[in-house]
Protein backbone atom coordinates (compact mmCIF):
# COMPACT_ATOMS: atom_id res chain seq x y z
CA MET A 1 86.78 117.22 81.86
CA ASP A 2 89.79 119.29 82.91
CA PHE A 3 90.39 120.69 86.39
CA LEU A 4 92.56 123.38 87.96
CA ILE A 5 93.63 122.87 91.58
CA VAL A 6 94.92 126.07 93.18
CA ASN A 7 96.57 127.12 96.46
CA GLY A 8 97.40 123.55 97.51
CA THR A 9 100.39 122.17 99.38
CA ILE A 10 101.63 119.91 96.60
CA TYR A 11 103.56 116.85 97.73
CA ASP A 12 105.49 114.81 95.13
CA PRO A 13 106.45 111.45 96.70
CA ALA A 14 108.76 110.58 93.79
CA HIS A 15 111.08 113.41 94.82
CA HIS A 16 109.98 113.79 98.45
CA GLU A 17 109.32 117.47 97.69
CA VAL A 18 106.70 119.89 99.00
CA ARG A 19 105.74 123.15 97.34
CA LYS A 20 102.88 125.60 97.48
CA GLY A 21 101.18 126.10 94.15
CA ASP A 22 98.71 125.14 91.46
CA ILE A 23 98.37 122.12 89.15
CA ALA A 24 96.06 121.25 86.30
CA LEU A 25 94.53 117.93 85.29
CA ILE A 26 94.22 117.98 81.50
CA ASP A 27 93.28 115.03 79.28
CA GLY A 28 93.88 112.62 82.14
CA LYS A 29 97.39 113.89 82.86
CA ILE A 30 98.96 116.19 85.42
CA ALA A 31 99.92 119.44 83.72
CA ALA A 32 101.08 122.97 84.33
CA PRO A 33 98.20 125.47 84.52
CA LEU A 34 97.40 126.94 81.10
CA PRO A 35 96.39 130.62 80.90
CA GLY A 36 93.04 131.00 79.20
CA HIS A 37 92.28 127.28 79.28
CA SER A 38 88.64 126.34 79.87
CA TYR A 39 88.40 124.18 83.01
CA ARG A 40 85.37 122.23 84.17
CA GLN A 41 86.05 123.48 87.69
CA VAL A 42 88.64 125.49 89.63
CA ILE A 43 89.24 123.87 93.03
CA ASP A 44 90.64 125.87 95.94
CA ALA A 45 92.88 123.49 97.94
CA GLU A 46 94.02 126.05 100.50
CA GLY A 47 95.00 124.22 103.69
CA CYS A 48 95.11 120.85 101.94
CA ILE A 49 97.76 118.42 100.73
CA VAL A 50 97.55 117.65 97.01
CA THR A 51 99.34 114.43 96.14
CA VAL A 52 99.15 111.26 94.08
CA GLY A 53 96.28 108.83 94.57
CA LEU A 54 96.94 106.39 97.39
CA ILE A 55 98.03 102.85 96.56
CA ASP A 56 96.61 100.25 98.93
CA TYR A 57 99.08 97.39 98.59
CA HIS A 58 96.98 94.79 100.45
CA VAL A 59 93.19 94.57 100.10
CA HIS A 60 90.51 91.91 99.66
CA TYR A 61 88.23 93.14 96.91
CA LEU A 62 86.43 90.05 95.58
CA TRP A 63 82.94 91.03 96.75
CA GLY A 64 80.52 88.19 96.05
CA ALA A 65 83.25 85.70 95.12
CA THR A 66 84.86 85.31 98.55
CA GLU A 67 83.29 85.69 101.98
CA GLY A 68 85.78 88.39 102.92
CA GLY A 69 85.54 90.50 99.79
CA VAL A 70 84.41 94.12 99.60
CA GLU A 71 83.26 96.08 96.55
CA ALA A 72 86.34 97.68 95.02
CA ASP A 73 85.18 101.08 93.82
CA ALA A 74 82.87 101.67 96.80
CA VAL A 75 85.67 101.49 99.38
CA SER A 76 88.52 102.92 97.28
CA PHE A 77 87.69 106.38 96.02
CA CYS A 78 86.21 107.77 99.25
CA SER A 79 89.49 106.70 100.91
CA GLY A 80 91.67 108.46 98.34
CA VAL A 81 92.75 105.10 96.87
CA THR A 82 93.14 104.92 93.10
CA THR A 83 95.24 101.73 92.85
CA ALA A 84 94.95 98.56 94.93
CA VAL A 85 96.53 95.13 95.05
CA ASP A 86 94.30 92.29 96.15
CA GLY A 87 96.40 90.34 98.65
CA GLY A 88 95.90 86.79 97.45
CA SER A 89 92.14 86.34 97.60
CA ALA A 90 92.44 84.33 94.39
CA GLY A 91 94.54 81.29 93.67
CA ALA A 92 95.29 79.80 90.26
CA GLY A 93 91.99 77.92 90.23
CA MET A 94 89.83 81.09 90.17
CA TYR A 95 92.11 83.83 88.88
CA GLU A 96 90.81 83.86 85.28
CA HIS A 97 87.30 84.46 86.64
CA VAL A 98 88.61 87.26 88.86
CA TYR A 99 90.39 88.95 85.98
CA ARG A 100 87.36 88.89 83.68
CA ASN A 101 84.71 89.77 86.24
CA PHE A 102 86.44 92.01 88.79
CA VAL A 103 89.57 93.54 87.30
CA ALA A 104 87.90 94.41 84.00
CA SER A 105 84.76 95.85 85.61
CA SER A 106 86.37 98.02 88.31
CA GLN A 107 87.22 101.67 87.82
CA VAL A 108 89.91 101.57 90.51
CA ARG A 109 93.21 100.20 89.17
CA PHE A 110 92.81 96.61 90.38
CA LEU A 111 95.98 94.48 90.59
CA ASN A 112 96.47 91.07 92.19
CA ASP A 113 98.84 88.90 94.15
CA LEU A 114 98.18 85.24 93.39
CA LEU A 115 97.76 82.90 96.35
CA VAL A 116 100.11 79.94 95.96
CA ALA A 117 97.25 77.62 97.04
CA SER A 118 95.02 77.10 94.01
CA GLY A 119 91.72 77.39 95.92
CA GLY A 120 92.41 80.92 97.15
CA GLN A 121 90.93 82.41 100.33
CA SER A 122 87.33 81.59 99.54
CA ASN A 123 85.74 81.49 102.97
CA ASN A 124 86.10 82.12 106.69
CA GLN A 125 85.34 78.56 107.84
CA TYR A 126 88.47 76.68 106.78
CA PRO A 127 91.86 77.79 105.39
CA GLU A 128 93.59 77.12 102.12
CA ASN A 129 95.79 74.04 101.66
CA LEU A 130 99.45 75.12 101.51
CA ASP A 131 100.95 71.64 101.20
CA ALA A 132 104.03 72.11 99.00
CA ALA A 133 103.16 68.98 97.02
CA LEU A 134 99.82 70.48 95.93
CA MET A 135 101.13 73.77 94.52
CA ASP A 136 100.30 73.98 90.81
CA GLU A 137 103.60 75.33 89.52
CA ASP A 138 102.75 74.95 85.84
CA LYS A 139 99.50 76.90 86.07
CA ILE A 140 101.05 79.59 88.25
CA ILE A 141 103.83 80.12 85.72
CA HIS A 142 101.27 80.15 82.88
CA LEU A 143 99.16 82.82 84.58
CA PHE A 144 102.11 85.10 85.33
CA LYS A 145 103.17 84.87 81.69
CA LYS A 146 99.62 85.57 80.45
CA TYR A 147 98.86 88.44 82.85
CA PRO A 148 102.20 90.14 83.55
CA ASP A 149 100.61 93.57 83.94
CA ASN A 150 98.14 92.43 86.58
CA LEU A 151 99.87 89.79 88.70
CA LYS A 152 102.39 91.42 91.03
CA GLY A 153 103.44 88.74 93.53
CA LEU A 154 102.95 85.24 94.94
CA LYS A 155 101.17 85.20 98.30
CA THR A 156 101.24 82.69 101.14
CA ARG A 157 100.08 82.55 104.76
CA LEU A 158 102.12 80.94 107.53
CA SER A 159 99.84 80.88 110.58
CA HIS A 160 98.86 78.42 113.26
CA GLY A 161 95.78 76.61 112.05
CA ILE A 162 96.90 76.85 108.42
CA ILE A 163 100.28 75.12 108.36
CA GLU A 164 102.75 74.14 111.07
CA GLY A 165 106.38 73.23 111.79
CA GLU A 166 108.44 71.53 109.11
CA GLU A 167 105.50 71.61 106.72
CA ALA A 168 105.56 75.41 107.00
CA VAL A 169 109.28 75.45 106.22
CA SER A 170 108.77 73.18 103.19
CA SER A 171 105.83 75.30 102.04
CA ILE A 172 107.66 78.63 102.12
CA LYS A 173 110.74 77.13 100.45
CA ARG A 174 108.56 75.75 97.65
CA THR A 175 106.76 79.10 97.31
CA VAL A 176 110.07 80.93 96.96
CA GLU A 177 111.24 78.33 94.42
CA ILE A 178 108.15 78.87 92.24
CA ALA A 179 108.43 82.66 92.59
CA GLU A 180 112.04 82.45 91.45
CA LYS A 181 110.96 80.62 88.30
CA VAL A 182 108.18 83.14 87.67
CA GLY A 183 110.42 86.14 88.36
CA THR A 184 108.18 87.65 91.02
CA ARG A 185 108.29 88.48 94.72
CA VAL A 186 106.80 86.50 97.61
CA ILE A 187 104.41 88.13 100.11
CA VAL A 188 104.08 86.27 103.42
CA HIS A 189 101.21 86.70 105.91
CA VAL A 190 102.70 86.23 109.39
CA THR A 191 99.91 86.85 111.91
CA ASP A 192 100.07 84.16 114.64
CA CYS A 193 103.03 82.80 112.73
CA SER A 194 103.97 79.15 112.90
CA LEU A 195 107.66 80.07 112.58
CA PRO A 196 109.78 82.64 114.43
CA LEU A 197 109.91 85.70 112.19
CA ASP A 198 113.71 85.85 112.13
CA GLN A 199 113.82 82.21 111.01
CA LEU A 200 111.24 82.94 108.31
CA ALA A 201 113.13 86.04 107.15
CA GLU A 202 116.24 83.94 106.51
CA LEU A 203 114.28 82.00 103.87
CA LEU A 204 113.26 85.13 101.93
CA ARG A 205 115.03 87.04 99.17
CA PRO A 206 115.64 90.76 98.63
CA GLY A 207 112.34 92.25 97.48
CA ASP A 208 110.16 89.69 99.23
CA VAL A 209 107.60 91.15 101.66
CA ILE A 210 106.55 90.19 105.17
CA CYS A 211 103.06 91.57 105.77
CA HIS A 212 101.30 92.17 109.10
CA ILE A 213 104.72 92.84 110.61
CA TYR A 214 103.22 94.52 113.71
CA GLN A 215 100.87 91.64 114.59
CA GLY A 216 100.62 90.87 118.27
CA LYS A 217 100.00 87.13 118.44
CA ASP A 218 102.59 84.34 118.31
CA HIS A 219 106.10 85.21 117.07
CA THR A 220 105.91 89.01 116.91
CA CYS A 221 108.66 91.24 115.55
CA LEU A 222 109.84 91.86 119.13
CA GLY A 223 112.00 89.59 121.24
CA ALA A 224 111.53 88.75 124.91
CA ASP A 225 113.53 91.88 125.74
CA GLY A 226 111.09 94.10 123.84
CA LYS A 227 113.64 94.84 121.13
CA VAL A 228 113.11 94.29 117.41
CA LEU A 229 114.52 90.89 116.48
CA PRO A 230 118.11 91.25 115.17
CA GLY A 231 117.30 88.79 112.39
CA LEU A 232 114.64 91.16 111.04
CA LEU A 233 117.08 94.06 111.06
CA GLU A 234 119.55 91.90 109.14
CA ALA A 235 116.83 90.88 106.70
CA ARG A 236 116.02 94.53 106.07
CA LYS A 237 119.69 95.15 105.26
CA ARG A 238 119.44 92.30 102.71
CA GLY A 239 116.41 93.94 101.11
CA VAL A 240 113.50 92.06 102.68
CA LEU A 241 110.55 94.47 102.97
CA PHE A 242 107.90 94.96 105.65
CA ASP A 243 104.24 95.88 105.17
CA ALA A 244 102.22 97.05 108.18
CA SER A 245 99.03 95.68 106.56
CA ASN A 246 96.69 96.56 109.40
CA GLY A 247 93.58 94.40 109.01
CA ARG A 248 91.29 93.59 111.90
CA ASN A 249 93.28 90.81 113.56
CA ASN A 250 96.71 91.57 112.18
CA PHE A 251 97.91 94.62 114.09
CA ASP A 252 98.81 95.50 117.66
CA ASN A 253 99.16 99.14 118.74
CA GLU A 254 101.74 98.40 121.42
CA VAL A 255 103.92 96.20 119.20
CA CYS A 256 103.87 98.86 116.49
CA ARG A 257 104.56 101.72 118.88
CA ALA A 258 107.59 99.91 120.34
CA ALA A 259 108.98 98.90 116.96
CA VAL A 260 108.60 102.33 115.36
CA ALA A 261 110.21 103.96 118.43
CA GLN A 262 113.25 101.78 117.73
CA GLY A 263 113.35 102.95 114.10
CA PHE A 264 111.76 99.80 112.68
CA VAL A 265 109.30 101.71 110.50
CA PRO A 266 107.25 100.07 107.73
CA ASP A 267 108.30 100.07 104.09
CA VAL A 268 104.62 99.93 103.12
CA ILE A 269 101.41 100.76 105.00
CA SER A 270 98.32 99.01 103.62
CA SER A 271 94.84 98.38 104.96
CA ASP A 272 94.07 94.64 104.47
CA ILE A 273 90.46 95.82 104.19
CA ASN A 274 87.74 93.16 104.02
CA ASN A 275 84.03 93.01 104.65
CA GLY A 276 84.45 92.56 108.40
CA ASN A 277 86.37 95.77 108.99
CA GLY A 278 85.70 98.41 106.33
CA PHE A 279 84.95 101.81 107.94
CA LEU A 280 84.87 100.19 111.40
CA GLN A 281 87.38 99.97 114.21
CA PRO A 282 90.04 98.66 114.49
CA LEU A 283 90.80 99.35 110.80
CA HIS A 284 88.34 101.90 109.33
CA SER A 285 90.23 102.94 106.16
CA LEU A 286 93.68 103.49 104.75
CA PRO A 287 93.75 107.25 105.59
CA ARG A 288 92.78 106.49 109.19
CA ILE A 289 95.53 103.84 109.39
CA LEU A 290 98.13 106.21 107.95
CA SER A 291 97.20 108.87 110.48
CA LYS A 292 98.31 106.91 113.54
CA TYR A 293 101.88 106.61 112.28
CA ILE A 294 102.20 110.38 112.60
CA ASP A 295 101.29 109.99 116.26
CA PHE A 296 103.85 107.19 116.50
CA GLY A 297 106.46 109.77 115.50
CA MET A 298 106.81 109.49 111.71
CA ASP A 299 106.84 112.58 109.50
CA TRP A 300 103.65 112.93 107.44
CA LYS A 301 105.60 112.86 104.18
CA ASP A 302 107.30 109.58 105.12
CA VAL A 303 103.91 108.17 106.05
CA LEU A 304 102.42 109.10 102.67
CA ASP A 305 105.45 107.58 100.93
CA CYS A 306 104.46 104.24 102.45
CA ALA A 307 101.15 104.37 100.56
CA THR A 308 102.36 106.01 97.35
CA ILE A 309 105.91 105.80 95.99
CA ARG A 310 106.93 102.68 97.96
CA PRO A 311 104.09 100.48 96.69
CA ALA A 312 104.45 102.11 93.25
CA GLU A 313 107.98 100.72 93.19
CA LEU A 314 106.76 97.27 94.22
CA ILE A 315 104.15 97.09 91.46
CA GLY A 316 106.59 98.47 88.88
CA MET A 317 104.51 101.59 88.16
CA LEU A 318 106.69 104.46 89.34
CA GLU A 319 104.62 107.02 87.45
CA LEU A 320 101.82 106.50 89.97
CA GLY A 321 104.08 107.90 92.69
CA SER A 322 104.91 111.09 90.80
CA MET A 323 103.26 114.49 90.58
CA GLY A 324 105.39 115.35 87.55
CA GLU A 325 103.87 116.92 84.46
CA GLY A 326 102.66 114.35 81.96
CA THR A 327 102.08 111.61 84.55
CA THR A 328 98.74 109.91 85.11
CA ALA A 329 96.27 112.22 86.85
CA ASP A 330 95.54 109.99 89.82
CA VAL A 331 95.35 112.66 92.52
CA VAL A 332 93.94 112.99 96.02
CA ILE A 333 93.31 116.17 98.00
CA LEU A 334 93.77 115.52 101.73
CA LYS A 335 93.25 117.57 104.85
CA LEU A 336 95.57 116.69 107.70
CA LYS A 337 93.32 117.59 110.60
CA GLU A 338 94.43 118.00 114.20
CA LYS A 339 91.79 116.41 116.38
CA SER A 340 91.43 113.60 118.91
CA VAL A 341 90.97 110.26 117.13
CA ARG A 342 90.66 106.95 118.98
CA HIS A 343 92.71 104.03 117.61
CA GLN A 344 91.91 100.53 118.86
CA ASP A 345 93.13 96.98 118.26
CA VAL A 346 91.63 93.55 118.89
CA ALA A 347 93.84 93.04 121.95
CA GLY A 348 92.11 95.96 123.68
CA HIS A 349 94.98 98.42 123.35
CA SER A 350 93.83 101.91 122.42
CA PHE A 351 95.18 105.41 122.30
CA ALA A 352 93.96 108.85 121.30
CA GLY A 353 95.82 110.16 118.28
CA SER A 354 95.88 113.81 117.39
CA HIS A 355 96.08 113.70 113.59
CA VAL A 356 93.85 112.34 110.86
CA PHE A 357 94.09 112.40 107.06
CA VAL A 358 90.66 113.18 105.57
CA PRO A 359 90.22 112.80 101.78
CA GLN A 360 88.43 115.77 100.23
CA MET A 361 88.53 114.85 96.54
CA THR A 362 89.83 111.90 94.53
CA PHE A 363 90.65 111.90 90.82
CA LYS A 364 91.28 108.75 88.77
CA ASP A 365 92.81 109.35 85.32
CA GLY A 366 91.77 112.99 85.65
CA GLU A 367 88.12 112.20 86.40
CA CYS A 368 86.54 113.22 89.68
CA VAL A 369 85.43 110.01 91.42
CA TYR A 370 84.82 111.36 94.93
CA CYS A 371 84.22 114.67 96.69
CA GLN A 372 83.57 115.24 100.39
CA ALA A 373 80.09 116.74 100.76
CA ASP A 374 81.31 119.97 102.36
CA PHE A 375 84.32 120.51 100.09
CA THR A 376 84.37 122.80 97.03
């Protein structure tokens, strides 16, 4: 089925360009409108932003295999998400099962970071074992060689209650060592971190990612003076990247507000959605998360870049961040509404935002996979 989208405000993240106009989705690709072509439907996008499908760089999608998993397609398309990266739900011990039973059966483009602990994040009762001596380097290397198109990074979590002190230092050093052999990036969960974030950042390489950067528990991104830690600013200059990765317990409104006001904006904004927070406060959905950064002072185009072209670069699929002719027709139609929207966090901080992105239609490979009930 082919579609013609007319009168939209077309935003191309790959070139950071906005134009008013029409686009066609033909044979699963973005195309110029063709006179006389027979379209399944003509969609009037007046007053809407037409852009690439959102890329949620940190999710937990293993519904039925882990206690925190949600069903991939059910939460993706209604949120304008057409590509997602599961943030380390699976370790080497279960990844083959995940690939065959989740990746292959999901319509959303389902990519994975591999948890460096072989058991993965299977449950909410006890954490994974991140002892450096127990990391299965040989199997990790084997899986990255076998599934290079699906595995996009090596994930670890450095939190109190998971790993502490010198063991945490040894663990992250070993993780980086394995990632170097694989040729991939490291993604580090830092909520309630067992190391100061500037100390941790010194151990990371250009291209590695610190996620949950605006968490409000131990060792936040702010110093005692309320300023962003100088070591994090230096790490950014070296090429270390920062993912907001909201989640339920992994974000603090006041920490984020202060950091963004100082220019410490995220490289990536992801949801960290799981079955305890989907469509509920304090997370809700990726569009709702993106919206609050506008109220924190970011331009809406820069905000969308954090969930389109930036993660497209990290997963090595730049085409997914482009609205150019001939690129994959993953497209979302968004309304940027001005209305009062309450944003909360687990610490009890809340504020009323005045903007919210609302997905109207989502297309995956040119196929309509979601439409708001009162749109078109």
